[in-house]
PDB file of N, CA and C in Angstrom:
ATOM      1  N   MET A   1     -54.903   5.315  51.044  1.00  0.00           N
ATOM      2  CA  MET A   1     -56.585   4.579  50.499  1.00  0.00           C
ATOM      3  C   MET A   1     -56.717   4.694  48.971  1.00  0.00           C
ATOM      4  N   MET A   2     -56.992   3.394  48.531  1.00  0.00           N
ATOM      5  CA  MET A   2     -57.601   2.902  46.972  1.00  0.00           C
ATOM      6  C   MET A   2     -59.006   3.023  47.443  1.00  0.00           C
ATOM      7  N   MET A   3     -59.957   4.053  46.509  1.00  0.00           N
ATOM      8  CA  MET A   3     -61.158   4.061  46.852  1.00  0.00           C
ATOM      9  C   MET A   3     -61.710   3.022  44.441  1.00  0.00           C
ATOM     10  N   LEU A   4     -62.483   2.260  45.343  1.00  0.00           N
ATOM     11  CA  LEU A   4     -63.181   1.460  43.858  1.00  0.00           C
ATOM     12  C   LEU A   4     -64.527   1.832  43.837  1.00  0.00           C
ATOM     13  N   GLN A   5     -65.297   2.088  42.680  1.00  0.00           N
ATOM     14  CA  GLN A   5     -66.584   2.213  42.721  1.00  0.00           C
ATOM     15  C   GLN A   5     -67.054   0.674  42.944  1.00  0.00           C
ATOM     16  N   VAL A   6     -68.002   0.010  43.856  1.00  0.00           N
ATOM     17  CA  VAL A   6     -68.722  -0.793  43.700  1.00  0.00           C
ATOM     18  C   VAL A   6     -69.866  -0.892  44.322  1.00  0.00           C
ATOM     19  N   PHE A   7     -70.830  -2.084  43.317  1.00  0.00           N
ATOM     20  CA  PHE A   7     -71.911  -2.068  43.031  1.00  0.00           C
ATOM     21  C   PHE A   7     -72.654  -0.632  44.092  1.00  0.00           C
ATOM     22  N   GLY A   8     -71.805   0.954  42.669  1.00  0.00           N
ATOM     23  CA  GLY A   8     -72.797   2.050  42.893  1.00  0.00           C
ATOM     24  C   GLY A   8     -72.395   3.065  44.363  1.00  0.00           C
ATOM     25  N   GLU A   9     -71.063   2.155  45.363  1.00  0.00           N
ATOM     26  CA  GLU A   9     -70.778   2.135  46.359  1.00  0.00           C
ATOM     27  C   GLU A   9     -69.283   3.624  46.541  1.00  0.00           C
ATOM     28  N   GLN A  10     -68.649   3.780  46.490  1.00  0.00           N
ATOM     29  CA  GLN A  10     -67.577   4.406  46.669  1.00  0.00           C
ATOM     30  C   GLN A  10     -66.426   2.985  48.220  1.00  0.00           C
ATOM     31  N   SER A  11     -66.211   2.256  47.659  1.00  0.00           N
ATOM     32  CA  SER A  11     -64.672   1.717  49.553  1.00  0.00           C
ATOM     33  C   SER A  11     -63.754   1.544  48.536  1.00  0.00           C
ATOM     34  N   GLU A  12     -63.316   2.437  50.599  1.00  0.00           N
ATOM     35  CA  GLU A  12     -61.772   2.291  50.507  1.00  0.00           C
ATOM     36  C   GLU A  12     -61.488   0.883  51.542  1.00  0.00           C
ATOM     37  N   PHE A  13     -60.101   0.970  50.328  1.00  0.00           N
ATOM     38  CA  PHE A  13     -59.166  -0.233  50.543  1.00  0.00           C
ATOM     39  C   PHE A  13     -57.849   0.199  52.133  1.00  0.00           C
ATOM     40  N   ALA A  14     -57.174   0.418  52.715  1.00  0.00           N
ATOM     41  CA  ALA A  14     -56.175   1.189  53.843  1.00  0.00           C
ATOM     42  C   ALA A  14     -54.638  -0.478  52.438  1.00  0.00           C
ATOM     43  N   ILE A  15     -54.245   0.200  52.047  1.00  0.00           N
ATOM     44  CA  ILE A  15     -52.913  -0.328  51.905  1.00  0.00           C
ATOM     45  C   ILE A  15     -52.117  -1.071  53.680  1.00  0.00           C
ATOM     46  N   ALA A  16     -51.561  -2.499  53.828  1.00  0.00           N
ATOM     47  CA  ALA A  16     -50.680  -2.427  54.977  1.00  0.00           C
ATOM     48  C   ALA A  16     -49.806  -2.938  54.147  1.00  0.00           C
ATOM     49  N   ARG A  17     -47.845  -3.109  55.461  1.00  0.00           N
ATOM     50  CA  ARG A  17     -46.997  -4.382  54.823  1.00  0.00           C
ATOM     51  C   ARG A  17     -47.269  -5.177  54.441  1.00  0.00           C
ATOM     52  N   ARG A  18     -48.473  -5.428  54.966  1.00  0.00           N
ATOM     53  CA  ARG A  18     -48.737  -7.423  53.922  1.00  0.00           C
ATOM     54  C   ARG A  18     -50.367  -7.387  54.078  1.00  0.00           C
ATOM     55  N   GLY A  19     -51.040  -7.635  53.020  1.00  0.00           N
ATOM     56  CA  GLY A  19     -52.002  -7.349  52.696  1.00  0.00           C
ATOM     57  C   GLY A  19     -52.989  -8.101  51.555  1.00  0.00           C
ATOM     58  N   TYR A  20     -54.213  -8.125  51.824  1.00  0.00           N
ATOM     59  CA  TYR A  20     -53.914  -8.878  49.805  1.00  0.00           C
ATOM     60  C   TYR A  20     -53.512  -8.479  48.417  1.00  0.00           C
ATOM     61  N   ASP A  21     -53.542  -9.565  47.795  1.00  0.00           N
ATOM     62  CA  ASP A  21     -52.961  -9.029  45.918  1.00  0.00           C
ATOM     63  C   ASP A  21     -53.922  -7.414  45.338  1.00  0.00           C
ATOM     64  N   ARG A  22     -53.708  -7.029  45.375  1.00  0.00           N
ATOM     65  CA  ARG A  22     -54.479  -5.547  45.058  1.00  0.00           C
ATOM     66  C   ARG A  22     -55.008  -6.070  43.106  1.00  0.00           C
ATOM     67  N   GLY A  23     -54.728  -7.099  42.403  1.00  0.00           N
ATOM     68  CA  GLY A  23     -54.355  -7.089  41.026  1.00  0.00           C
ATOM     69  C   GLY A  23     -55.392  -7.992  41.804  1.00  0.00           C
ATOM     70  N   GLN A  24     -54.775  -9.127  42.377  1.00  0.00           N
ATOM     71  CA  GLN A  24     -55.997 -10.062  42.600  1.00  0.00           C
ATOM     72  C   GLN A  24     -57.808  -9.802  42.684  1.00  0.00           C
ATOM     73  N   VAL A  25     -58.004  -8.445  44.345  1.00  0.00           N
ATOM     74  CA  VAL A  25     -59.167  -7.864  44.582  1.00  0.00           C
ATOM     75  C   VAL A  25     -59.501  -6.836  43.631  1.00  0.00           C
ATOM     76  N   ASP A  26     -58.948  -6.212  42.842  1.00  0.00           N
ATOM     77  CA  ASP A  26     -59.328  -5.629  41.782  1.00  0.00           C
ATOM     78  C   ASP A  26     -60.145  -6.098  40.673  1.00  0.00           C
ATOM     79  N   GLU A  27     -59.438  -7.242  40.689  1.00  0.00           N
ATOM     80  CA  GLU A  27     -60.388  -8.253  39.081  1.00  0.00           C
ATOM     81  C   GLU A  27     -61.506  -9.123  39.956  1.00  0.00           C
ATOM     82  N   TYR A  28     -61.095  -9.293  41.261  1.00  0.00           N
ATOM     83  CA  TYR A  28     -62.105  -9.936  41.736  1.00  0.00           C
ATOM     84  C   TYR A  28     -63.860  -8.904  41.299  1.00  0.00           C
ATOM     85  N   VAL A  29     -63.542  -7.830  42.481  1.00  0.00           N
ATOM     86  CA  VAL A  29     -64.545  -7.339  42.322  1.00  0.00           C
ATOM     87  C   VAL A  29     -65.067  -6.766  41.032  1.00  0.00           C
ATOM     88  N   ALA A  30     -64.081  -6.547  39.817  1.00  0.00           N
ATOM     89  CA  ALA A  30     -64.825  -6.386  38.913  1.00  0.00           C
ATOM     90  C   ALA A  30     -65.515  -6.760  38.250  1.00  0.00           C
ATOM     91  N   GLY A  31     -64.950  -7.991  38.346  1.00  0.00           N
ATOM     92  CA  GLY A  31     -65.963  -9.662  37.997  1.00  0.00           C
ATOM     93  C   GLY A  31     -67.448  -9.538  38.809  1.00  0.00           C
ATOM     94  N   LEU A  32     -67.554  -8.979  39.746  1.00  0.00           N
ATOM     95  CA  LEU A  32     -68.657  -8.774  40.785  1.00  0.00           C
ATOM     96  C   LEU A  32     -69.747  -7.436  40.272  1.00  0.00           C
ATOM     97  N   LEU A  33     -68.534  -6.619  39.886  1.00  0.00           N
ATOM     98  CA  LEU A  33     -69.526  -6.200  38.873  1.00  0.00           C
ATOM     99  C   LEU A  33     -70.493  -5.638  37.129  1.00  0.00           C
ATOM    100  N   ALA A  34     -69.212  -6.053  36.956  1.00  0.00           N
ATOM    101  CA  ALA A  34     -70.118  -7.002  35.550  1.00  0.00           C
ATOM    102  C   ALA A  34     -71.013  -8.725  35.391  1.00  0.00           C
ATOM    103  N   GLY A  35     -71.418  -9.036  37.288  1.00  0.00           N
ATOM    104  CA  GLY A  35     -72.762  -9.373  36.925  1.00  0.00           C
ATOM    105  C   GLY A  35     -72.681 -10.936  37.909  1.00  0.00           C
ATOM    106  N   GLY A  36     -70.816 -11.187  37.862  1.00  0.00           N
ATOM    107  CA  GLY A  36     -70.490 -12.639  38.077  1.00  0.00           C
ATOM    108  C   GLY A  36     -70.987 -12.632  39.052  1.00  0.00           C
ATOM    109  N   ARG A  37     -70.534 -14.116  39.137  1.00  0.00           N
ATOM    110  CA  ARG A  37     -71.195 -14.409  40.682  1.00  0.00           C
ATOM    111  C   ARG A  37     -70.105 -15.604  41.168  1.00  0.00           C
ATOM    112  N   PRO A  38     -70.320 -14.389  43.294  1.00  0.00           N
ATOM    113  CA  PRO A  38     -69.230 -14.044  43.538  1.00  0.00           C
ATOM    114  C   PRO A  38     -68.774 -15.981  44.130  1.00  0.00           C
ATOM    115  N   ALA A  39     -67.256 -16.195  44.091  1.00  0.00           N
ATOM    116  CA  ALA A  39     -66.567 -17.336  45.204  1.00  0.00           C
ATOM    117  C   ALA A  39     -66.928 -16.805  46.986  1.00  0.00           C
ATOM    118  N   ASN A  40     -67.841 -17.921  47.057  1.00  0.00           N
ATOM    119  CA  ASN A  40     -67.645 -18.458  48.488  1.00  0.00           C
ATOM    120  C   ASN A  40     -67.376 -17.746  49.116  1.00  0.00           C
ATOM    121  N   SER A  41     -65.892 -17.655  48.718  1.00  0.00           N
ATOM    122  CA  SER A  41     -64.370 -17.574  50.171  1.00  0.00           C
ATOM    123  C   SER A  41     -63.217 -17.277  48.713  1.00  0.00           C
ATOM    124  N   PRO A  42     -63.355 -16.176  48.534  1.00  0.00           N
ATOM    125  CA  PRO A  42     -61.610 -16.215  47.566  1.00  0.00           C
ATOM    126  C   PRO A  42     -60.550 -16.356  48.598  1.00  0.00           C
ATOM    127  N   ALA A  43     -60.122 -16.912  47.666  1.00  0.00           N
ATOM    128  CA  ALA A  43     -58.107 -16.544  48.084  1.00  0.00           C
ATOM    129  C   ALA A  43     -57.881 -16.305  48.049  1.00  0.00           C
ATOM    130  N   PHE A  44     -57.582 -14.541  47.857  1.00  0.00           N
ATOM    131  CA  PHE A  44     -56.686 -13.565  47.467  1.00  0.00           C
ATOM    132  C   PHE A  44     -54.955 -14.097  48.512  1.00  0.00           C
ATOM    133  N   THR A  45     -54.125 -14.182  47.410  1.00  0.00           N
ATOM    134  CA  THR A  45     -52.310 -14.332  48.664  1.00  0.00           C
ATOM    135  C   THR A  45     -52.380 -12.651  48.722  1.00  0.00           C
ATOM    136  N   MET A  46     -51.738 -13.575  50.118  1.00  0.00           N
ATOM    137  CA  MET A  46     -50.608 -12.032  50.926  1.00  0.00           C
ATOM    138  C   MET A  46     -49.672 -11.588  50.227  1.00  0.00           C
ATOM    139  N   VAL A  47     -49.530 -10.281  50.249  1.00  0.00           N
ATOM    140  CA  VAL A  47     -47.914  -9.221  49.412  1.00  0.00           C
ATOM    141  C   VAL A  47     -47.630  -8.531  49.897  1.00  0.00           C
ATOM    142  N   ARG A  48     -47.132  -7.984  50.264  1.00  0.00           N
ATOM    143  CA  ARG A  48     -46.180  -6.871  51.046  1.00  0.00           C
ATOM    144  C   ARG A  48     -47.134  -5.820  50.114  1.00  0.00           C
ATOM    145  N   ARG A  49     -47.263  -4.894  50.772  1.00  0.00           N
ATOM    146  CA  ARG A  49     -48.284  -3.427  49.506  1.00  0.00           C
ATOM    147  C   ARG A  49     -49.339  -3.062  49.279  1.00  0.00           C
ATOM    148  N   GLY A  50     -50.599  -4.687  49.836  1.00  0.00           N
ATOM    149  CA  GLY A  50     -51.635  -5.005  49.908  1.00  0.00           C
ATOM    150  C   GLY A  50     -52.808  -4.223  50.388  1.00  0.00           C
ATOM    151  N   TYR A  51     -54.081  -4.567  49.527  1.00  0.00           N
ATOM    152  CA  TYR A  51     -54.760  -3.980  50.481  1.00  0.00           C
ATOM    153  C   TYR A  51     -54.873  -4.741  51.522  1.00  0.00           C
ATOM    154  N   LYS A  52     -55.633  -4.172  52.610  1.00  0.00           N
ATOM    155  CA  LYS A  52     -55.702  -4.387  54.451  1.00  0.00           C
ATOM    156  C   LYS A  52     -56.818  -5.647  54.329  1.00  0.00           C
ATOM    157  N   ALA A  53     -56.553  -6.736  54.711  1.00  0.00           N
ATOM    158  CA  ALA A  53     -57.126  -7.694  54.116  1.00  0.00           C
ATOM    159  C   ALA A  53     -59.030  -7.416  55.607  1.00  0.00           C
ATOM    160  N   GLU A  54     -58.267  -7.051  56.161  1.00  0.00           N
ATOM    161  CA  GLU A  54     -59.716  -7.171  57.378  1.00  0.00           C
ATOM    162  C   GLU A  54     -60.635  -5.886  56.759  1.00  0.00           C
ATOM    163  N   HIS A  55     -59.649  -4.793  56.036  1.00  0.00           N
ATOM    164  CA  HIS A  55     -61.216  -4.179  55.469  1.00  0.00           C
ATOM    165  C   HIS A  55     -61.732  -4.097  54.219  1.00  0.00           C
ATOM    166  N   VAL A  56     -60.487  -5.328  53.023  1.00  0.00           N
ATOM    167  CA  VAL A  56     -61.650  -6.021  52.517  1.00  0.00           C
ATOM    168  C   VAL A  56     -62.653  -7.082  52.270  1.00  0.00           C
ATOM    169  N   ASP A  57     -61.534  -7.936  53.777  1.00  0.00           N
ATOM    170  CA  ASP A  57     -62.687  -9.272  54.037  1.00  0.00           C
ATOM    171  C   ASP A  57     -64.161  -8.615  54.330  1.00  0.00           C
ATOM    172  N   ARG A  58     -63.831  -7.588  55.912  1.00  0.00           N
ATOM    173  CA  ARG A  58     -65.771  -7.074  55.734  1.00  0.00           C
ATOM    174  C   ARG A  58     -66.137  -6.496  55.155  1.00  0.00           C
ATOM    175  N   ARG A  59     -65.903  -5.807  54.140  1.00  0.00           N
ATOM    176  CA  ARG A  59     -66.990  -5.415  53.004  1.00  0.00           C
ATOM    177  C   ARG A  59     -67.084  -6.353  51.522  1.00  0.00           C
ATOM    178  N   LEU A  60     -66.699  -7.024  51.589  1.00  0.00           N
ATOM    179  CA  LEU A  60     -66.980  -8.487  51.027  1.00  0.00           C
ATOM    180  C   LEU A  60     -67.998  -9.277  51.047  1.00  0.00           C
ATOM    181  N   ALA A  61     -67.999  -9.579  52.372  1.00  0.00           N
ATOM    182  CA  ALA A  61     -69.163 -10.025  53.362  1.00  0.00           C
ATOM    183  C   ALA A  61     -70.740  -9.325  53.274  1.00  0.00           C
ATOM    184  N   GLU A  62     -70.276  -7.601  53.929  1.00  0.00           N
ATOM    185  CA  GLU A  62     -71.281  -6.775  53.260  1.00  0.00           C
ATOM    186  C   GLU A  62     -71.909  -6.366  51.941  1.00  0.00           C
ATOM    187  N   LEU A  63     -71.529  -6.837  50.992  1.00  0.00           N
ATOM    188  CA  LEU A  63     -72.115  -7.246  49.582  1.00  0.00           C
ATOM    189  C   LEU A  63     -72.443  -8.043  49.195  1.00  0.00           C
ATOM    190  N   SER A  64     -71.936  -9.406  49.904  1.00  0.00           N
ATOM    191  CA  SER A  64     -72.338 -10.352  49.614  1.00  0.00           C
ATOM    192  C   SER A  64     -73.529 -10.860  50.791  1.00  0.00           C
ATOM    193  N   HIS A  65     -73.930 -10.041  51.820  1.00  0.00           N
ATOM    194  CA  HIS A  65     -74.849 -10.043  52.364  1.00  0.00           C
ATOM    195  C   HIS A  65     -76.481  -9.218  51.778  1.00  0.00           C
ATOM    196  N   SER A  66     -75.345  -8.009  50.754  1.00  0.00           N
ATOM    197  CA  SER A  66     -76.964  -7.076  50.233  1.00  0.00           C
ATOM    198  C   SER A  66     -77.145  -7.750  49.760  1.00  0.00           C
ATOM    199  N   ARG A  67     -75.995  -8.617  48.347  1.00  0.00           N
ATOM    200  CA  ARG A  67     -76.865  -9.338  47.655  1.00  0.00           C
ATOM    201  C   ARG A  67     -77.670  -9.987  47.822  1.00  0.00           C
ATOM    202  N   ARG A  68     -77.806 -10.524  49.044  1.00  0.00           N
ATOM    203  CA  ARG A  68     -77.691 -11.728  48.387  1.00  0.00           C
ATOM    204  C   ARG A  68     -79.438 -11.037  49.006  1.00  0.00           C
ATOM    205  N   ALA A  69     -79.612 -10.324  49.653  1.00  0.00           N
ATOM    206  CA  ALA A  69     -81.246  -9.784  50.320  1.00  0.00           C
ATOM    207  C   ALA A  69     -82.048  -9.446  49.343  1.00  0.00           C
ATOM    208  N   ALA A  70     -81.326  -8.757  48.479  1.00  0.00           N
ATOM    209  CA  ALA A  70     -82.068  -8.347  47.109  1.00  0.00           C
ATOM    210  C   ALA A  70     -82.824  -9.303  45.689  1.00  0.00           C
TER     211      ALA A  70
END
């Protein structure tokens, strides 16, 4: 599992045989942390040994919802 600090919380993204490009996800999350405006639906490339897509999608949806509620 990879640990990322996201909005003051620890997030875990499992590594999958095929998943989202880790660099793209990390860059997107870093942009969010820097106060960037999140894309409505970010498009990540599917690669070998990437982050498990379901985990990333679920966590980004939670973060998007919590940011809108704030």
